[in-house]
Amino acid sequence: MLFTACVLLVNGLFGERGLTETIRARRTYAAATRDVNDLKRENERLRDLARRLRTDPATIEAVARGQLGLVREGEILVTIRDGR
């Protein structure tokens, strides 16, 4: 009887649906939930940027200047490179 109780205890702790597997599954679920929330925030940020790129001239200009290196008429673009 003691042997059976020990086997059931070990199975309850380390078996396929034991305590350790349940804890591992909860950690995995929590990590996946955090990842999903991070992705939702990133999607919202990108949606906002897309909306501003369609409607806000200042945002369009900032992207054109920053990513494309465009300048206004009469401006001079000076590029400084690291001498290393």
N, C-alpha and C. Protein backbone atom coordinates (compact mmCIF):
# COMPACT_ATOMS: atom_id res chain seq x y z
N MET A 1 0.82 -1.18 0.00
CA MET A 1 0.00 0.00 0.00
C MET A 1 0.88 1.27 0.00
N LEU A 2 1.95 1.23 0.77
CA LEU A 2 2.88 2.35 0.80
C LEU A 2 3.52 2.55 -0.57
N PHE A 3 3.86 1.46 -1.24
CA PHE A 3 4.45 1.53 -2.57
C PHE A 3 3.48 2.19 -3.55
N THR A 4 2.21 1.81 -3.51
CA THR A 4 1.19 2.38 -4.39
C THR A 4 1.04 3.87 -4.12
N ALA A 5 1.05 4.24 -2.86
CA ALA A 5 0.93 5.66 -2.51
C ALA A 5 2.13 6.44 -3.04
N CYS A 6 3.32 5.87 -2.95
CA CYS A 6 4.52 6.53 -3.46
C CYS A 6 4.46 6.68 -4.98
N VAL A 7 4.01 5.64 -5.66
CA VAL A 7 3.88 5.70 -7.12
C VAL A 7 2.88 6.78 -7.51
N LEU A 8 1.75 6.84 -6.83
CA LEU A 8 0.74 7.86 -7.14
C LEU A 8 1.26 9.26 -6.86
N LEU A 9 2.03 9.43 -5.79
CA LEU A 9 2.60 10.73 -5.45
C LEU A 9 3.61 11.17 -6.51
N VAL A 10 4.49 10.28 -6.90
CA VAL A 10 5.49 10.60 -7.94
C VAL A 10 4.79 10.91 -9.25
N ASN A 11 3.78 10.14 -9.59
CA ASN A 11 3.04 10.39 -10.84
C ASN A 11 2.31 11.74 -10.76
N GLY A 12 1.78 12.07 -9.60
CA GLY A 12 1.09 13.35 -9.44
C GLY A 12 2.03 14.54 -9.56
N LEU A 13 3.26 14.35 -9.14
CA LEU A 13 4.23 15.44 -9.21
C LEU A 13 4.93 15.53 -10.58
N PHE A 14 5.32 14.40 -11.12
CA PHE A 14 6.16 14.41 -12.32
C PHE A 14 5.52 13.76 -13.54
N GLY A 15 4.31 13.29 -13.43
CA GLY A 15 3.66 12.60 -14.54
C GLY A 15 3.27 13.55 -15.66
N GLU A 16 2.60 13.00 -16.66
CA GLU A 16 2.22 13.76 -17.85
C GLU A 16 1.36 14.98 -17.50
N ARG A 17 0.49 14.84 -16.54
CA ARG A 17 -0.35 15.95 -16.10
C ARG A 17 -0.07 16.30 -14.64
N GLY A 18 1.18 16.14 -14.26
CA GLY A 18 1.57 16.38 -12.88
C GLY A 18 1.79 17.85 -12.57
N LEU A 19 2.18 18.08 -11.35
CA LEU A 19 2.37 19.44 -10.86
C LEU A 19 3.45 20.18 -11.63
N THR A 20 4.57 19.54 -11.89
CA THR A 20 5.65 20.23 -12.61
C THR A 20 5.23 20.60 -14.03
N GLU A 21 4.48 19.73 -14.69
CA GLU A 21 4.01 20.03 -16.05
C GLU A 21 2.99 21.15 -16.03
N THR A 22 2.15 21.18 -15.01
CA THR A 22 1.17 22.26 -14.89
C THR A 22 1.86 23.60 -14.67
N ILE A 23 2.87 23.63 -13.84
CA ILE A 23 3.63 24.86 -13.60
C ILE A 23 4.32 25.32 -14.89
N ARG A 24 4.90 24.40 -15.61
CA ARG A 24 5.56 24.72 -16.88
C ARG A 24 4.56 25.26 -17.89
N ALA A 25 3.38 24.66 -17.95
CA ALA A 25 2.35 25.14 -18.88
C ALA A 25 1.87 26.54 -18.51
N ARG A 26 1.75 26.82 -17.22
CA ARG A 26 1.33 28.16 -16.78
C ARG A 26 2.38 29.21 -17.14
N ARG A 27 3.65 28.87 -16.99
CA ARG A 27 4.72 29.80 -17.37
C ARG A 27 4.70 30.06 -18.87
N THR A 28 4.52 29.01 -19.64
CA THR A 28 4.45 29.15 -21.09
C THR A 28 3.27 30.02 -21.50
N TYR A 29 2.13 29.81 -20.85
CA TYR A 29 0.93 30.60 -21.13
C TYR A 29 1.16 32.07 -20.79
N ALA A 30 1.79 32.34 -19.64
CA ALA A 30 2.07 33.72 -19.23
C ALA A 30 3.01 34.40 -20.21
N ALA A 31 4.03 33.68 -20.67
CA ALA A 31 4.97 34.25 -21.64
C ALA A 31 4.26 34.53 -22.97
N ALA A 32 3.41 33.63 -23.40
CA ALA A 32 2.66 33.84 -24.65
C ALA A 32 1.71 35.02 -24.52
N THR A 33 1.09 35.17 -23.37
CA THR A 33 0.19 36.31 -23.14
C THR A 33 0.96 37.62 -23.20
N ARG A 34 2.14 37.65 -22.60
CA ARG A 34 2.98 38.87 -22.67
C ARG A 34 3.36 39.17 -24.12
N ASP A 35 3.74 38.15 -24.88
CA ASP A 35 4.11 38.35 -26.28
C ASP A 35 2.94 38.89 -27.09
N VAL A 36 1.75 38.34 -26.86
CA VAL A 36 0.56 38.81 -27.58
C VAL A 36 0.27 40.27 -27.23
N ASN A 37 0.38 40.63 -25.96
CA ASN A 37 0.14 42.02 -25.56
C ASN A 37 1.17 42.95 -26.17
N ASP A 38 2.44 42.54 -26.21
CA ASP A 38 3.47 43.34 -26.86
C ASP A 38 3.16 43.54 -28.33
N LEU A 39 2.74 42.49 -29.01
CA LEU A 39 2.40 42.59 -30.43
C LEU A 39 1.18 43.47 -30.66
N LYS A 40 0.22 43.43 -29.76
CA LYS A 40 -0.95 44.31 -29.89
C LYS A 40 -0.54 45.77 -29.77
N ARG A 41 0.35 46.07 -28.81
CA ARG A 41 0.83 47.45 -28.66
C ARG A 41 1.60 47.89 -29.90
N GLU A 42 2.44 47.02 -30.43
CA GLU A 42 3.21 47.34 -31.64
C GLU A 42 2.27 47.56 -32.84
N ASN A 43 1.25 46.73 -32.97
CA ASN A 43 0.28 46.91 -34.05
C ASN A 43 -0.44 48.24 -33.93
N GLU A 44 -0.81 48.62 -32.71
CA GLU A 44 -1.48 49.90 -32.51
C GLU A 44 -0.55 51.06 -32.87
N ARG A 45 0.71 50.94 -32.49
CA ARG A 45 1.67 51.99 -32.83
C ARG A 45 1.83 52.11 -34.35
N LEU A 46 1.91 50.97 -35.03
CA LEU A 46 2.05 50.99 -36.48
C LEU A 46 0.79 51.51 -37.18
N ARG A 47 -0.39 51.16 -36.64
CA ARG A 47 -1.64 51.70 -37.20
C ARG A 47 -1.67 53.21 -37.08
N ASP A 48 -1.25 53.72 -35.91
CA ASP A 48 -1.22 55.16 -35.69
C ASP A 48 -0.24 55.82 -36.66
N LEU A 49 0.93 55.24 -36.85
CA LEU A 49 1.91 55.79 -37.78
C LEU A 49 1.36 55.78 -39.21
N ALA A 50 0.71 54.69 -39.61
CA ALA A 50 0.13 54.62 -40.95
C ALA A 50 -0.94 55.70 -41.13
N ARG A 51 -1.77 55.90 -40.11
CA ARG A 51 -2.81 56.94 -40.20
C ARG A 51 -2.17 58.31 -40.34
N ARG A 52 -1.13 58.57 -39.53
CA ARG A 52 -0.46 59.87 -39.60
C ARG A 52 0.25 60.06 -40.93
N LEU A 53 0.80 58.99 -41.50
CA LEU A 53 1.46 59.10 -42.81
C LEU A 53 0.45 59.40 -43.92
N ARG A 54 -0.80 58.99 -43.74
CA ARG A 54 -1.83 59.30 -44.73
C ARG A 54 -2.37 60.71 -44.58
N THR A 55 -2.33 61.28 -43.36
CA THR A 55 -3.06 62.53 -43.14
C THR A 55 -2.22 63.69 -42.62
N ASP A 56 -1.08 63.45 -42.00
CA ASP A 56 -0.32 64.50 -41.33
C ASP A 56 0.92 64.90 -42.13
N PRO A 57 0.94 66.09 -42.70
CA PRO A 57 2.10 66.52 -43.50
C PRO A 57 3.40 66.56 -42.70
N ALA A 58 3.34 66.90 -41.42
CA ALA A 58 4.56 66.95 -40.60
C ALA A 58 5.18 65.56 -40.45
N THR A 59 4.35 64.55 -40.29
CA THR A 59 4.87 63.18 -40.18
C THR A 59 5.49 62.75 -41.49
N ILE A 60 4.82 63.07 -42.59
CA ILE A 60 5.36 62.71 -43.91
C ILE A 60 6.72 63.38 -44.11
N GLU A 61 6.81 64.66 -43.75
CA GLU A 61 8.08 65.38 -43.90
C GLU A 61 9.16 64.77 -43.01
N ALA A 62 8.82 64.42 -41.78
CA ALA A 62 9.81 63.84 -40.86
C ALA A 62 10.35 62.53 -41.41
N VAL A 63 9.49 61.70 -41.98
CA VAL A 63 9.94 60.43 -42.55
C VAL A 63 10.79 60.69 -43.79
N ALA A 64 10.36 61.62 -44.64
CA ALA A 64 11.12 61.94 -45.85
C ALA A 64 12.52 62.45 -45.49
N ARG A 65 12.59 63.26 -44.47
CA ARG A 65 13.90 63.80 -44.07
C ARG A 65 14.75 62.72 -43.39
N GLY A 66 14.16 61.97 -42.47
CA GLY A 66 14.93 61.01 -41.69
C GLY A 66 15.34 59.76 -42.45
N GLN A 67 14.40 59.18 -43.17
CA GLN A 67 14.69 57.90 -43.83
C GLN A 67 15.18 58.06 -45.25
N LEU A 68 14.71 59.08 -45.94
CA LEU A 68 15.08 59.25 -47.34
C LEU A 68 16.16 60.31 -47.56
N GLY A 69 16.46 61.09 -46.51
CA GLY A 69 17.50 62.10 -46.62
C GLY A 69 17.10 63.28 -47.50
N LEU A 70 15.81 63.53 -47.63
CA LEU A 70 15.36 64.63 -48.47
C LEU A 70 15.50 65.96 -47.73
N VAL A 71 15.69 67.03 -48.50
CA VAL A 71 15.81 68.37 -47.93
C VAL A 71 14.86 69.31 -48.67
N ARG A 72 14.54 70.42 -48.03
CA ARG A 72 13.72 71.44 -48.68
C ARG A 72 14.57 72.23 -49.66
N GLU A 73 13.90 72.89 -50.56
CA GLU A 73 14.60 73.74 -51.52
C GLU A 73 15.33 74.84 -50.76
N GLY A 74 16.59 75.03 -51.09
CA GLY A 74 17.40 76.05 -50.44
C GLY A 74 18.17 75.54 -49.24
N GLU A 75 17.86 74.36 -48.74
CA GLU A 75 18.60 73.79 -47.61
C GLU A 75 19.81 73.03 -48.14
N ILE A 76 20.81 72.88 -47.29
CA ILE A 76 22.00 72.12 -47.64
C ILE A 76 22.10 70.95 -46.66
N LEU A 77 22.25 69.75 -47.19
CA LEU A 77 22.38 68.55 -46.36
C LEU A 77 23.85 68.31 -46.09
N VAL A 78 24.20 68.24 -44.82
CA VAL A 78 25.58 67.97 -44.42
C VAL A 78 25.60 66.62 -43.72
N THR A 79 26.40 65.70 -44.24
CA THR A 79 26.53 64.37 -43.66
C THR A 79 27.88 64.26 -42.98
N ILE A 80 27.89 63.92 -41.72
CA ILE A 80 29.13 63.76 -40.95
C ILE A 80 29.33 62.28 -40.70
N ARG A 81 30.46 61.79 -41.14
CA ARG A 81 30.77 60.37 -40.96
C ARG A 81 31.78 60.21 -39.84
N ASP A 82 31.67 59.11 -39.16
CA ASP A 82 32.59 58.80 -38.09
C ASP A 82 33.96 58.49 -38.70
N GLY A 83 35.02 59.10 -38.22
CA GLY A 83 36.35 58.96 -38.80
C GLY A 83 37.07 57.68 -38.39
N ARG A 84 36.47 56.83 -37.64
CA ARG A 84 37.14 55.61 -37.17
C ARG A 84 37.32 54.60 -38.24
